Protein backbone atom coordinates (compact mmCIF):
# COMPACT_ATOMS: atom_id res chain seq x y z
CA UNK A 1 0.00 0.00 0.00
CA UNK A 2 1.30 3.41 -0.94
CA UNK A 3 1.90 5.82 1.86
CA UNK A 4 -0.51 8.76 1.88
CA UNK A 5 1.47 11.38 3.74
CA UNK A 6 1.80 15.05 3.04
CA UNK A 7 5.13 16.40 4.22
CA UNK A 8 4.90 19.72 6.00
CA UNK A 9 6.73 22.82 4.90
CA UNK A 10 5.22 25.01 7.61
CA UNK A 11 8.12 24.26 9.94
CA UNK A 12 10.30 26.36 7.68
CA UNK A 13 8.28 29.40 8.74
CA UNK A 14 7.47 28.61 12.37
CA UNK A 15 10.28 30.79 13.72
CA UNK A 16 9.10 33.82 11.77
CA UNK A 17 8.26 36.70 14.11
CA UNK A 18 4.93 37.20 12.31
CA UNK A 19 3.78 33.98 13.99
CA UNK A 20 0.71 34.45 16.16
CA UNK A 21 -1.26 32.00 18.25
CA UNK A 22 -4.99 31.46 18.50
CA UNK A 23 -5.80 29.73 21.77
CA UNK A 24 -9.46 29.21 20.86
CA UNK A 25 -10.37 25.54 21.42
CA UNK A 26 -6.76 24.95 22.44
CA UNK A 27 -5.58 25.09 18.84
CA UNK A 28 -2.77 27.07 17.37
CA UNK A 29 -3.78 29.15 14.37
CA UNK A 30 -2.03 28.29 11.14
CA UNK A 31 -2.50 31.81 10.01
CA UNK A 32 0.62 31.71 12.16
CA UNK A 33 3.05 32.21 9.31
CA UNK A 34 0.83 33.08 6.37
CA UNK A 35 2.30 36.59 5.91
CA UNK A 36 5.78 35.06 5.87
CA UNK A 37 4.65 32.37 3.42
CA UNK A 38 3.07 34.88 1.05
CA UNK A 39 6.17 37.08 1.19
CA UNK A 40 8.31 34.08 0.34
CA UNK A 41 6.03 33.10 -2.54
CA UNK A 42 6.16 36.64 -3.92
CA UNK A 43 9.95 36.34 -3.94
CA UNK A 44 9.78 33.04 -5.82
CA UNK A 45 10.92 31.02 -2.81
CA UNK A 46 10.30 27.32 -3.41
CA UNK A 47 9.77 26.41 0.25
CA UNK A 48 7.21 29.19 0.46
CA UNK A 49 5.44 27.73 -2.55
CA UNK A 50 5.45 24.32 -0.87
CA UNK A 51 4.02 25.74 2.34
CA UNK A 52 1.31 27.62 0.44
CA UNK A 53 0.42 24.42 -1.40
CA UNK A 54 0.04 22.65 1.92
CA UNK A 55 -2.12 25.46 3.24
CA UNK A 56 -4.48 25.08 0.28
CA UNK A 57 -4.42 21.28 0.56
CA UNK A 58 -5.71 21.35 4.12
CA UNK A 59 -7.50 24.70 4.27
CA UNK A 60 -5.01 26.05 6.79
CA UNK A 61 -5.09 29.84 6.91
CA UNK A 62 -6.80 29.93 3.50
CA UNK A 63 -9.94 28.27 2.08
CA UNK A 64 -9.26 24.68 1.09
CA UNK A 65 -8.57 24.46 -2.64
CA UNK A 66 -7.00 21.25 -3.96
CA UNK A 67 -6.43 22.67 -7.44
CA UNK A 68 -4.44 25.57 -6.02
CA UNK A 69 -2.56 23.10 -3.84
CA UNK A 70 -1.54 21.16 -6.94
CA UNK A 71 -0.59 24.40 -8.73
CA UNK A 72 1.79 25.51 -5.98
CA UNK A 73 3.23 22.06 -5.37
CA UNK A 74 4.10 21.93 -9.05
CA UNK A 75 5.76 25.34 -8.91
CA UNK A 76 7.94 24.18 -6.03
CA UNK A 77 8.51 20.74 -7.56
CA UNK A 78 9.84 22.35 -10.72
CA UNK A 79 12.38 24.12 -8.53
CA UNK A 80 13.58 20.78 -7.20
CA UNK A 81 11.94 20.63 -3.75
CA UNK A 82 11.73 16.92 -2.96
CA UNK A 83 8.82 17.38 -0.53
CA UNK A 84 6.79 19.15 -3.20
CA UNK A 85 7.68 16.53 -5.81
CA UNK A 86 6.54 13.79 -3.45
CA UNK A 87 3.31 15.54 -2.49
CA UNK A 88 2.49 16.37 -6.10
CA UNK A 89 2.97 12.68 -6.89
CA UNK A 90 0.43 11.86 -4.19
CA UNK A 91 -2.10 14.23 -5.75
CA UNK A 92 -1.68 12.60 -9.15
CA UNK A 93 -1.83 9.13 -7.57
CA UNK A 94 -5.12 9.90 -5.82
CA UNK A 95 -6.64 12.24 -8.42
CA UNK A 96 -6.87 15.10 -5.94
CA UNK A 97 -6.85 18.58 -7.48
CA UNK A 98 -5.64 17.04 -10.76
CA UNK A 99 -6.86 14.16 -12.93
CA UNK A 100 -5.62 10.82 -11.64
CA UNK A 101 -2.48 9.94 -13.57
CA UNK A 102 -0.25 7.12 -12.31
CA UNK A 103 2.50 7.91 -14.80
CA UNK A 104 2.75 11.51 -13.60
CA UNK A 105 2.75 10.28 -10.02
CA UNK A 106 5.69 8.05 -10.89
CA UNK A 107 7.44 10.93 -12.67
CA UNK A 108 7.37 13.14 -9.58
CA UNK A 109 8.13 10.36 -7.11
CA UNK A 110 11.12 9.43 -9.25
CA UNK A 111 12.35 13.02 -9.05
CA UNK A 112 12.07 12.98 -5.25
CA UNK A 113 13.47 9.45 -4.94
CA UNK A 114 16.52 10.46 -6.95
CA UNK A 115 17.15 13.01 -4.20
CA UNK A 116 17.05 10.18 -1.63
CA UNK A 117 13.61 11.15 -0.31
CA UNK A 118 12.65 7.91 1.46
CA UNK A 119 8.82 8.18 1.28
CA UNK A 120 9.06 8.57 -2.50
CA UNK A 121 11.43 5.61 -2.72
CA UNK A 122 8.94 3.51 -0.77
CA UNK A 123 6.03 4.57 -2.98
CA UNK A 124 8.04 3.75 -6.10
CA UNK A 125 8.62 0.30 -4.65
CA UNK A 126 4.89 -0.20 -4.14
CA UNK A 127 4.21 1.03 -7.68
CA UNK A 128 6.62 -1.53 -9.14
CA UNK A 129 5.14 -4.26 -6.97
CA UNK A 130 1.60 -3.37 -8.12
CA UNK A 131 2.49 -2.51 -11.71
CA UNK A 132 0.79 0.87 -11.26
CA UNK A 133 2.21 3.44 -13.68
CA UNK A 134 5.21 1.20 -14.39
CA UNK A 135 5.63 -2.41 -15.54
CA UNK A 136 5.23 -4.89 -12.68
CA UNK A 137 8.71 -5.79 -11.43
CA UNK A 138 9.35 -7.18 -7.95
CA UNK A 139 13.11 -6.83 -8.29
CA UNK A 140 12.73 -3.11 -9.01
CA UNK A 141 10.30 -2.91 -6.10
CA UNK A 142 12.91 -4.49 -3.83
CA UNK A 143 15.55 -2.07 -5.08
CA UNK A 144 13.46 0.95 -4.08
CA UNK A 145 12.34 -0.62 -0.81
CA UNK A 146 16.02 -1.19 -0.05
CA UNK A 147 16.87 2.46 -0.64
CA UNK A 148 14.11 3.56 1.72
CA UNK A 149 14.97 0.87 4.27
CA UNK A 150 18.63 1.87 4.32
CA UNK A 151 17.51 5.34 5.40
CA UNK A 152 15.60 3.90 8.35
CA UNK A 153 12.15 4.07 6.76
CA UNK A 154 10.01 1.55 8.67
CA UNK A 155 7.53 1.00 5.83
CA UNK A 156 10.40 0.34 3.45
CA UNK A 157 12.00 -2.07 5.90
CA UNK A 158 8.78 -4.01 6.34
CA UNK A 159 8.02 -4.11 2.62
CA UNK A 160 11.54 -5.34 1.89
CA UNK A 161 11.18 -8.04 4.51
CA UNK A 162 7.84 -9.10 3.09
CA UNK A 163 9.36 -9.26 -0.40
CA UNK A 164 11.91 -11.77 0.90
CA UNK A 165 9.11 -14.05 2.17
CA UNK A 166 7.33 -14.24 -1.18
CA UNK A 167 8.58 -17.08 -3.44
CA UNK A 168 6.98 -15.44 -6.47
CA UNK A 169 9.49 -12.58 -6.34
CA UNK A 170 12.45 -14.89 -6.94
CA UNK A 171 14.08 -13.28 -3.88
CA UNK A 172 13.09 -15.76 -1.17
CA UNK A 173 15.39 -15.34 1.83
CA UNK A 174 13.93 -15.83 5.30
CA UNK A 175 17.03 -14.61 7.10
CA UNK A 176 16.90 -11.28 5.28
CA UNK A 177 13.17 -11.12 5.85
CA UNK A 178 13.57 -11.56 9.60
CA UNK A 179 16.38 -9.00 9.65
CA UNK A 180 14.20 -6.31 8.07
CA UNK A 181 11.11 -7.27 10.05
CA UNK A 182 13.21 -6.75 13.18
CA UNK A 183 14.31 -3.30 12.00
CA UNK A 184 10.73 -2.21 11.35
CA UNK A 185 9.38 -3.91 14.47
CA UNK A 186 11.89 -2.02 16.61
CA UNK A 187 10.34 1.18 15.24
CA UNK A 188 6.89 0.09 16.40
CA UNK A 189 5.39 -0.98 13.06
CA UNK A 190 2.63 -3.41 14.04
CA UNK A 191 2.60 -5.44 10.81
CA UNK A 192 6.33 -6.03 11.11
CA UNK A 193 5.95 -7.04 14.76
CA UNK A 194 3.30 -9.57 13.77
CA UNK A 195 5.36 -11.03 10.92
CA UNK A 196 8.45 -11.18 13.13
CA UNK A 197 6.34 -13.19 15.56
CA UNK A 198 5.46 -15.57 12.72
CA UNK A 199 9.15 -15.92 11.87
CA UNK A 200 9.93 -16.95 15.46
CA UNK A 201 6.90 -19.23 15.63
CA UNK A 202 7.89 -21.08 12.45
CA UNK A 203 11.66 -20.83 12.85
CA UNK A 204 11.96 -19.05 9.51
CA UNK A 205 15.19 -17.05 9.30
CA UNK A 206 15.59 -17.18 13.08
CA UNK A 207 15.76 -20.02 15.64
CA UNK A 208 12.28 -21.18 16.57
CA UNK A 209 11.28 -19.47 19.80
CA UNK A 210 7.66 -19.41 20.92
CA UNK A 211 8.34 -16.98 23.75
CA UNK A 212 9.77 -14.44 21.32
CA UNK A 213 6.86 -15.09 18.96
CA UNK A 214 4.45 -14.34 21.78
CA UNK A 215 6.45 -11.25 22.75
CA UNK A 216 6.22 -9.74 19.28
CA UNK A 217 2.58 -10.70 18.81
CA UNK A 218 1.84 -8.97 22.09
CA UNK A 219 3.59 -5.83 20.82
CA UNK A 220 1.66 -5.99 17.56
CA UNK A 221 -1.64 -6.60 19.34
CA UNK A 222 -1.06 -3.59 21.57
CA UNK A 223 -0.55 -1.57 18.39
CA UNK A 224 -3.88 -2.71 17.00
CA UNK A 225 -2.88 -5.60 14.74
CA UNK A 226 -5.95 -7.85 14.59
CA UNK A 227 -4.05 -10.92 13.32
CA UNK A 228 -1.71 -10.71 16.31
CA UNK A 229 -4.67 -10.46 18.65
CA UNK A 230 -6.13 -13.63 17.11
CA UNK A 231 -2.76 -15.41 17.35
CA UNK A 232 -2.55 -14.60 21.05
CA UNK A 233 -6.09 -15.83 21.62
CA UNK A 234 -5.15 -19.19 20.11
CA UNK A 235 -2.05 -19.41 22.29
CA UNK A 236 -4.06 -18.69 25.41
CA UNK A 237 -6.68 -21.38 24.77
C-alpha atoms as a PDB file:
ATOM      1  CA  UNK A   1       0.000   0.000   0.000  1.00  0.00           C
ATOM      2  CA  UNK A   2       1.299   3.410  -0.942  1.00  0.00           C
ATOM      3  CA  UNK A   3       1.895   5.818   1.857  1.00  0.00           C
ATOM      4  CA  UNK A   4      -0.505   8.763   1.880  1.00  0.00           C
ATOM      5  CA  UNK A   5       1.473  11.384   3.745  1.00  0.00           C
ATOM      6  CA  UNK A   6       1.797  15.053   3.039  1.00  0.00           C
ATOM      7  CA  UNK A   7       5.134  16.395   4.217  1.00  0.00           C
ATOM      8  CA  UNK A   8       4.903  19.719   6.004  1.00  0.00           C
ATOM      9  CA  UNK A   9       6.732  22.821   4.896  1.00  0.00           C
ATOM     10  CA  UNK A  10       5.221  25.013   7.606  1.00  0.00           C
ATOM     11  CA  UNK A  11       8.124  24.260   9.941  1.00  0.00           C
ATOM     12  CA  UNK A  12      10.303  26.358   7.682  1.00  0.00           C
ATOM     13  CA  UNK A  13       8.283  29.404   8.740  1.00  0.00           C
ATOM     14  CA  UNK A  14       7.474  28.613  12.370  1.00  0.00           C
ATOM     15  CA  UNK A  15      10.285  30.794  13.724  1.00  0.00           C
ATOM     16  CA  UNK A  16       9.105  33.815  11.772  1.00  0.00           C
ATOM     17  CA  UNK A  17       8.258  36.704  14.111  1.00  0.00           C
ATOM     18  CA  UNK A  18       4.931  37.201  12.313  1.00  0.00           C
ATOM     19  CA  UNK A  19       3.775  33.981  13.987  1.00  0.00           C
ATOM     20  CA  UNK A  20       0.710  34.449  16.160  1.00  0.00           C
ATOM     21  CA  UNK A  21      -1.257  31.996  18.250  1.00  0.00           C
ATOM     22  CA  UNK A  22      -4.987  31.463  18.503  1.00  0.00           C
ATOM     23  CA  UNK A  23      -5.796  29.728  21.772  1.00  0.00           C
ATOM     24  CA  UNK A  24      -9.459  29.210  20.859  1.00  0.00           C
ATOM     25  CA  UNK A  25     -10.372  25.539  21.424  1.00  0.00           C
ATOM     26  CA  UNK A  26      -6.762  24.952  22.440  1.00  0.00           C
ATOM     27  CA  UNK A  27      -5.578  25.089  18.840  1.00  0.00           C
ATOM     28  CA  UNK A  28      -2.773  27.069  17.372  1.00  0.00           C
ATOM     29  CA  UNK A  29      -3.785  29.145  14.372  1.00  0.00           C
ATOM     30  CA  UNK A  30      -2.034  28.293  11.142  1.00  0.00           C
ATOM     31  CA  UNK A  31      -2.497  31.805  10.008  1.00  0.00           C
ATOM     32  CA  UNK A  32       0.616  31.707  12.157  1.00  0.00           C
ATOM     33  CA  UNK A  33       3.051  32.211   9.313  1.00  0.00           C
ATOM     34  CA  UNK A  34       0.827  33.079   6.371  1.00  0.00           C
ATOM     35  CA  UNK A  35       2.297  36.587   5.906  1.00  0.00           C
ATOM     36  CA  UNK A  36       5.779  35.059   5.865  1.00  0.00           C
ATOM     37  CA  UNK A  37       4.654  32.372   3.422  1.00  0.00           C
ATOM     38  CA  UNK A  38       3.075  34.881   1.052  1.00  0.00           C
ATOM     39  CA  UNK A  39       6.168  37.082   1.189  1.00  0.00           C
ATOM     40  CA  UNK A  40       8.311  34.077   0.342  1.00  0.00           C
ATOM     41  CA  UNK A  41       6.028  33.100  -2.538  1.00  0.00           C
ATOM     42  CA  UNK A  42       6.160  36.636  -3.921  1.00  0.00           C
ATOM     43  CA  UNK A  43       9.948  36.340  -3.937  1.00  0.00           C
ATOM     44  CA  UNK A  44       9.776  33.038  -5.820  1.00  0.00           C
ATOM     45  CA  UNK A  45      10.921  31.020  -2.809  1.00  0.00           C
ATOM     46  CA  UNK A  46      10.304  27.317  -3.406  1.00  0.00           C
ATOM     47  CA  UNK A  47       9.767  26.410   0.248  1.00  0.00           C
ATOM     48  CA  UNK A  48       7.212  29.186   0.461  1.00  0.00           C
ATOM     49  CA  UNK A  49       5.442  27.733  -2.554  1.00  0.00           C
ATOM     50  CA  UNK A  50       5.449  24.317  -0.870  1.00  0.00           C
ATOM     51  CA  UNK A  51       4.022  25.740   2.337  1.00  0.00           C
ATOM     52  CA  UNK A  52       1.307  27.620   0.441  1.00  0.00           C
ATOM     53  CA  UNK A  53       0.416  24.419  -1.400  1.00  0.00           C
ATOM     54  CA  UNK A  54       0.035  22.650   1.917  1.00  0.00           C
ATOM     55  CA  UNK A  55      -2.123  25.463   3.241  1.00  0.00           C
ATOM     56  CA  UNK A  56      -4.481  25.084   0.284  1.00  0.00           C
ATOM     57  CA  UNK A  57      -4.415  21.275   0.560  1.00  0.00           C
ATOM     58  CA  UNK A  58      -5.710  21.348   4.123  1.00  0.00           C
ATOM     59  CA  UNK A  59      -7.495  24.696   4.274  1.00  0.00           C
ATOM     60  CA  UNK A  60      -5.009  26.049   6.790  1.00  0.00           C
ATOM     61  CA  UNK A  61      -5.091  29.845   6.905  1.00  0.00           C
ATOM     62  CA  UNK A  62      -6.799  29.931   3.496  1.00  0.00           C
ATOM     63  CA  UNK A  63      -9.938  28.274   2.080  1.00  0.00           C
ATOM     64  CA  UNK A  64      -9.259  24.678   1.087  1.00  0.00           C
ATOM     65  CA  UNK A  65      -8.566  24.463  -2.638  1.00  0.00           C
ATOM     66  CA  UNK A  66      -6.997  21.251  -3.963  1.00  0.00           C
ATOM     67  CA  UNK A  67      -6.429  22.672  -7.443  1.00  0.00           C
ATOM     68  CA  UNK A  68      -4.443  25.572  -6.016  1.00  0.00           C
ATOM     69  CA  UNK A  69      -2.555  23.103  -3.840  1.00  0.00           C
ATOM     70  CA  UNK A  70      -1.535  21.158  -6.938  1.00  0.00           C
ATOM     71  CA  UNK A  71      -0.586  24.395  -8.728  1.00  0.00           C
ATOM     72  CA  UNK A  72       1.789  25.514  -5.975  1.00  0.00           C
ATOM     73  CA  UNK A  73       3.226  22.057  -5.372  1.00  0.00           C
ATOM     74  CA  UNK A  74       4.102  21.935  -9.052  1.00  0.00           C
ATOM     75  CA  UNK A  75       5.757  25.342  -8.910  1.00  0.00           C
ATOM     76  CA  UNK A  76       7.936  24.177  -6.032  1.00  0.00           C
ATOM     77  CA  UNK A  77       8.506  20.742  -7.562  1.00  0.00           C
ATOM     78  CA  UNK A  78       9.836  22.348 -10.716  1.00  0.00           C
ATOM     79  CA  UNK A  79      12.383  24.122  -8.526  1.00  0.00           C
ATOM     80  CA  UNK A  80      13.579  20.782  -7.198  1.00  0.00           C
ATOM     81  CA  UNK A  81      11.944  20.630  -3.755  1.00  0.00           C
ATOM     82  CA  UNK A  82      11.725  16.924  -2.959  1.00  0.00           C
ATOM     83  CA  UNK A  83       8.816  17.375  -0.527  1.00  0.00           C
ATOM     84  CA  UNK A  84       6.792  19.152  -3.202  1.00  0.00           C
ATOM     85  CA  UNK A  85       7.680  16.527  -5.805  1.00  0.00           C
ATOM     86  CA  UNK A  86       6.538  13.795  -3.449  1.00  0.00           C
ATOM     87  CA  UNK A  87       3.309  15.540  -2.488  1.00  0.00           C
ATOM     88  CA  UNK A  88       2.494  16.372  -6.101  1.00  0.00           C
ATOM     89  CA  UNK A  89       2.972  12.684  -6.891  1.00  0.00           C
ATOM     90  CA  UNK A  90       0.434  11.862  -4.195  1.00  0.00           C
ATOM     91  CA  UNK A  91      -2.099  14.228  -5.749  1.00  0.00           C
ATOM     92  CA  UNK A  92      -1.680  12.599  -9.152  1.00  0.00           C
ATOM     93  CA  UNK A  93      -1.831   9.129  -7.569  1.00  0.00           C
ATOM     94  CA  UNK A  94      -5.116   9.899  -5.816  1.00  0.00           C
ATOM     95  CA  UNK A  95      -6.639  12.240  -8.418  1.00  0.00           C
ATOM     96  CA  UNK A  96      -6.874  15.104  -5.938  1.00  0.00           C
ATOM     97  CA  UNK A  97      -6.852  18.582  -7.484  1.00  0.00           C
ATOM     98  CA  UNK A  98      -5.636  17.044 -10.758  1.00  0.00           C
ATOM     99  CA  UNK A  99      -6.856  14.164 -12.928  1.00  0.00           C
ATOM    100  CA  UNK A 100      -5.621  10.822 -11.642  1.00  0.00           C
ATOM    101  CA  UNK A 101      -2.479   9.935 -13.569  1.00  0.00           C
ATOM    102  CA  UNK A 102      -0.248   7.123 -12.306  1.00  0.00           C
ATOM    103  CA  UNK A 103       2.501   7.914 -14.795  1.00  0.00           C
ATOM    104  CA  UNK A 104       2.750  11.515 -13.605  1.00  0.00           C
ATOM    105  CA  UNK A 105       2.747  10.278 -10.021  1.00  0.00           C
ATOM    106  CA  UNK A 106       5.692   8.048 -10.894  1.00  0.00           C
ATOM    107  CA  UNK A 107       7.444  10.930 -12.669  1.00  0.00           C
ATOM    108  CA  UNK A 108       7.375  13.137  -9.580  1.00  0.00           C
ATOM    109  CA  UNK A 109       8.129  10.357  -7.109  1.00  0.00           C
ATOM    110  CA  UNK A 110      11.118   9.430  -9.248  1.00  0.00           C
ATOM    111  CA  UNK A 111      12.349  13.019  -9.048  1.00  0.00           C
ATOM    112  CA  UNK A 112      12.065  12.979  -5.248  1.00  0.00           C
ATOM    113  CA  UNK A 113      13.467   9.454  -4.939  1.00  0.00           C
ATOM    114  CA  UNK A 114      16.524  10.457  -6.950  1.00  0.00           C
ATOM    115  CA  UNK A 115      17.150  13.015  -4.202  1.00  0.00           C
ATOM    116  CA  UNK A 116      17.050  10.180  -1.633  1.00  0.00           C
ATOM    117  CA  UNK A 117      13.613  11.151  -0.315  1.00  0.00           C
ATOM    118  CA  UNK A 118      12.648   7.909   1.462  1.00  0.00           C
ATOM    119  CA  UNK A 119       8.822   8.177   1.279  1.00  0.00           C
ATOM    120  CA  UNK A 120       9.062   8.568  -2.500  1.00  0.00           C
ATOM    121  CA  UNK A 121      11.427   5.609  -2.722  1.00  0.00           C
ATOM    122  CA  UNK A 122       8.941   3.508  -0.772  1.00  0.00           C
ATOM    123  CA  UNK A 123       6.031   4.567  -2.985  1.00  0.00           C
ATOM    124  CA  UNK A 124       8.044   3.746  -6.099  1.00  0.00           C
ATOM    125  CA  UNK A 125       8.618   0.298  -4.651  1.00  0.00           C
ATOM    126  CA  UNK A 126       4.887  -0.200  -4.144  1.00  0.00           C
ATOM    127  CA  UNK A 127       4.212   1.028  -7.679  1.00  0.00           C
ATOM    128  CA  UNK A 128       6.620  -1.526  -9.144  1.00  0.00           C
ATOM    129  CA  UNK A 129       5.137  -4.260  -6.974  1.00  0.00           C
ATOM    130  CA  UNK A 130       1.602  -3.373  -8.119  1.00  0.00           C
ATOM    131  CA  UNK A 131       2.488  -2.508 -11.714  1.00  0.00           C
ATOM    132  CA  UNK A 132       0.792   0.867 -11.263  1.00  0.00           C
ATOM    133  CA  UNK A 133       2.207   3.437 -13.678  1.00  0.00           C
ATOM    134  CA  UNK A 134       5.207   1.204 -14.388  1.00  0.00           C
ATOM    135  CA  UNK A 135       5.635  -2.411 -15.543  1.00  0.00           C
ATOM    136  CA  UNK A 136       5.231  -4.888 -12.685  1.00  0.00           C
ATOM    137  CA  UNK A 137       8.712  -5.786 -11.432  1.00  0.00           C
ATOM    138  CA  UNK A 138       9.348  -7.177  -7.947  1.00  0.00           C
ATOM    139  CA  UNK A 139      13.107  -6.830  -8.289  1.00  0.00           C
ATOM    140  CA  UNK A 140      12.732  -3.112  -9.013  1.00  0.00           C
ATOM    141  CA  UNK A 141      10.305  -2.910  -6.103  1.00  0.00           C
ATOM    142  CA  UNK A 142      12.908  -4.491  -3.830  1.00  0.00           C
ATOM    143  CA  UNK A 143      15.554  -2.070  -5.077  1.00  0.00           C
ATOM    144  CA  UNK A 144      13.459   0.951  -4.081  1.00  0.00           C
ATOM    145  CA  UNK A 145      12.343  -0.620  -0.809  1.00  0.00           C
ATOM    146  CA  UNK A 146      16.022  -1.188  -0.046  1.00  0.00           C
ATOM    147  CA  UNK A 147      16.873   2.458  -0.641  1.00  0.00           C
ATOM    148  CA  UNK A 148      14.112   3.560   1.718  1.00  0.00           C
ATOM    149  CA  UNK A 149      14.969   0.869   4.269  1.00  0.00           C
ATOM    150  CA  UNK A 150      18.626   1.873   4.325  1.00  0.00           C
ATOM    151  CA  UNK A 151      17.511   5.339   5.401  1.00  0.00           C
ATOM    152  CA  UNK A 152      15.598   3.901   8.346  1.00  0.00           C
ATOM    153  CA  UNK A 153      12.150   4.070   6.757  1.00  0.00           C
ATOM    154  CA  UNK A 154      10.006   1.548   8.666  1.00  0.00           C
ATOM    155  CA  UNK A 155       7.526   0.996   5.825  1.00  0.00           C
ATOM    156  CA  UNK A 156      10.401   0.339   3.446  1.00  0.00           C
ATOM    157  CA  UNK A 157      11.998  -2.071   5.904  1.00  0.00           C
ATOM    158  CA  UNK A 158       8.775  -4.006   6.342  1.00  0.00           C
ATOM    159  CA  UNK A 159       8.019  -4.107   2.615  1.00  0.00           C
ATOM    160  CA  UNK A 160      11.536  -5.337   1.886  1.00  0.00           C
ATOM    161  CA  UNK A 161      11.182  -8.039   4.514  1.00  0.00           C
ATOM    162  CA  UNK A 162       7.840  -9.095   3.093  1.00  0.00           C
ATOM    163  CA  UNK A 163       9.358  -9.262  -0.399  1.00  0.00           C
ATOM    164  CA  UNK A 164      11.912 -11.767   0.903  1.00  0.00           C
ATOM    165  CA  UNK A 165       9.113 -14.050   2.172  1.00  0.00           C
ATOM    166  CA  UNK A 166       7.330 -14.244  -1.183  1.00  0.00           C
ATOM    167  CA  UNK A 167       8.583 -17.083  -3.436  1.00  0.00           C
ATOM    168  CA  UNK A 168       6.982 -15.436  -6.474  1.00  0.00           C
ATOM    169  CA  UNK A 169       9.488 -12.575  -6.336  1.00  0.00           C
ATOM    170  CA  UNK A 170      12.449 -14.889  -6.939  1.00  0.00           C
ATOM    171  CA  UNK A 171      14.079 -13.280  -3.883  1.00  0.00           C
ATOM    172  CA  UNK A 172      13.085 -15.756  -1.168  1.00  0.00           C
ATOM    173  CA  UNK A 173      15.389 -15.340   1.830  1.00  0.00           C
ATOM    174  CA  UNK A 174      13.926 -15.834   5.302  1.00  0.00           C
ATOM    175  CA  UNK A 175      17.031 -14.605   7.105  1.00  0.00           C
ATOM    176  CA  UNK A 176      16.902 -11.277   5.284  1.00  0.00           C
ATOM    177  CA  UNK A 177      13.166 -11.124   5.848  1.00  0.00           C
ATOM    178  CA  UNK A 178      13.574 -11.560   9.602  1.00  0.00           C
ATOM    179  CA  UNK A 179      16.383  -8.997   9.650  1.00  0.00           C
ATOM    180  CA  UNK A 180      14.196  -6.315   8.066  1.00  0.00           C
ATOM    181  CA  UNK A 181      11.107  -7.266  10.052  1.00  0.00           C
ATOM    182  CA  UNK A 182      13.205  -6.749  13.181  1.00  0.00           C
ATOM    183  CA  UNK A 183      14.308  -3.298  12.004  1.00  0.00           C
ATOM    184  CA  UNK A 184      10.732  -2.206  11.353  1.00  0.00           C
ATOM    185  CA  UNK A 185       9.382  -3.908  14.468  1.00  0.00           C
ATOM    186  CA  UNK A 186      11.885  -2.019  16.606  1.00  0.00           C
ATOM    187  CA  UNK A 187      10.338   1.180  15.244  1.00  0.00           C
ATOM    188  CA  UNK A 188       6.889   0.088  16.400  1.00  0.00           C
ATOM    189  CA  UNK A 189       5.386  -0.980  13.064  1.00  0.00           C
ATOM    190  CA  UNK A 190       2.627  -3.410  14.036  1.00  0.00           C
ATOM    191  CA  UNK A 191       2.596  -5.440  10.814  1.00  0.00           C
ATOM    192  CA  UNK A 192       6.335  -6.029  11.109  1.00  0.00           C
ATOM    193  CA  UNK A 193       5.954  -7.039  14.756  1.00  0.00           C
ATOM    194  CA  UNK A 194       3.305  -9.574  13.773  1.00  0.00           C
ATOM    195  CA  UNK A 195       5.365 -11.032  10.920  1.00  0.00           C
ATOM    196  CA  UNK A 196       8.454 -11.182  13.127  1.00  0.00           C
ATOM    197  CA  UNK A 197       6.345 -13.195  15.560  1.00  0.00           C
ATOM    198  CA  UNK A 198       5.460 -15.572  12.720  1.00  0.00           C
ATOM    199  CA  UNK A 199       9.155 -15.919  11.867  1.00  0.00           C
ATOM    200  CA  UNK A 200       9.933 -16.947  15.457  1.00  0.00           C
ATOM    201  CA  UNK A 201       6.903 -19.229  15.630  1.00  0.00           C
ATOM    202  CA  UNK A 202       7.893 -21.082  12.449  1.00  0.00           C
ATOM    203  CA  UNK A 203      11.657 -20.835  12.854  1.00  0.00           C
ATOM    204  CA  UNK A 204      11.962 -19.051   9.512  1.00  0.00           C
ATOM    205  CA  UNK A 205      15.189 -17.055   9.299  1.00  0.00           C
ATOM    206  CA  UNK A 206      15.585 -17.175  13.082  1.00  0.00           C
ATOM    207  CA  UNK A 207      15.758 -20.021  15.636  1.00  0.00           C
ATOM    208  CA  UNK A 208      12.275 -21.179  16.571  1.00  0.00           C
ATOM    209  CA  UNK A 209      11.283 -19.469  19.804  1.00  0.00           C
ATOM    210  CA  UNK A 210       7.656 -19.412  20.921  1.00  0.00           C
ATOM    211  CA  UNK A 211       8.341 -16.979  23.745  1.00  0.00           C
ATOM    212  CA  UNK A 212       9.766 -14.445  21.317  1.00  0.00           C
ATOM    213  CA  UNK A 213       6.862 -15.088  18.964  1.00  0.00           C
ATOM    214  CA  UNK A 214       4.453 -14.339  21.784  1.00  0.00           C
ATOM    215  CA  UNK A 215       6.447 -11.245  22.751  1.00  0.00           C
ATOM    216  CA  UNK A 216       6.221  -9.743  19.277  1.00  0.00           C
ATOM    217  CA  UNK A 217       2.579 -10.699  18.805  1.00  0.00           C
ATOM    218  CA  UNK A 218       1.843  -8.966  22.087  1.00  0.00           C
ATOM    219  CA  UNK A 219       3.587  -5.829  20.824  1.00  0.00           C
ATOM    220  CA  UNK A 220       1.661  -5.988  17.559  1.00  0.00           C
ATOM    221  CA  UNK A 221      -1.636  -6.601  19.337  1.00  0.00           C
ATOM    222  CA  UNK A 222      -1.058  -3.592  21.571  1.00  0.00           C
ATOM    223  CA  UNK A 223      -0.546  -1.573  18.394  1.00  0.00           C
ATOM    224  CA  UNK A 224      -3.881  -2.706  16.997  1.00  0.00           C
ATOM    225  CA  UNK A 225      -2.882  -5.600  14.743  1.00  0.00           C
ATOM    226  CA  UNK A 226      -5.946  -7.854  14.586  1.00  0.00           C
ATOM    227  CA  UNK A 227      -4.048 -10.917  13.318  1.00  0.00           C
ATOM    228  CA  UNK A 228      -1.710 -10.710  16.306  1.00  0.00           C
ATOM    229  CA  UNK A 229      -4.667 -10.457  18.651  1.00  0.00           C
ATOM    230  CA  UNK A 230      -6.127 -13.632  17.110  1.00  0.00           C
ATOM    231  CA  UNK A 231      -2.765 -15.414  17.352  1.00  0.00           C
ATOM    232  CA  UNK A 232      -2.551 -14.599  21.050  1.00  0.00           C
ATOM    233  CA  UNK A 233      -6.095 -15.832  21.623  1.00  0.00           C
ATOM    234  CA  UNK A 234      -5.155 -19.189  20.105  1.00  0.00           C
ATOM    235  CA  UNK A 235      -2.051 -19.410  22.290  1.00  0.00           C
ATOM    236  CA  UNK A 236      -4.060 -18.694  25.412  1.00  0.00           C
ATOM    237  CA  UNK A 237      -6.684 -21.379  24.769  1.00  0.00           C
END
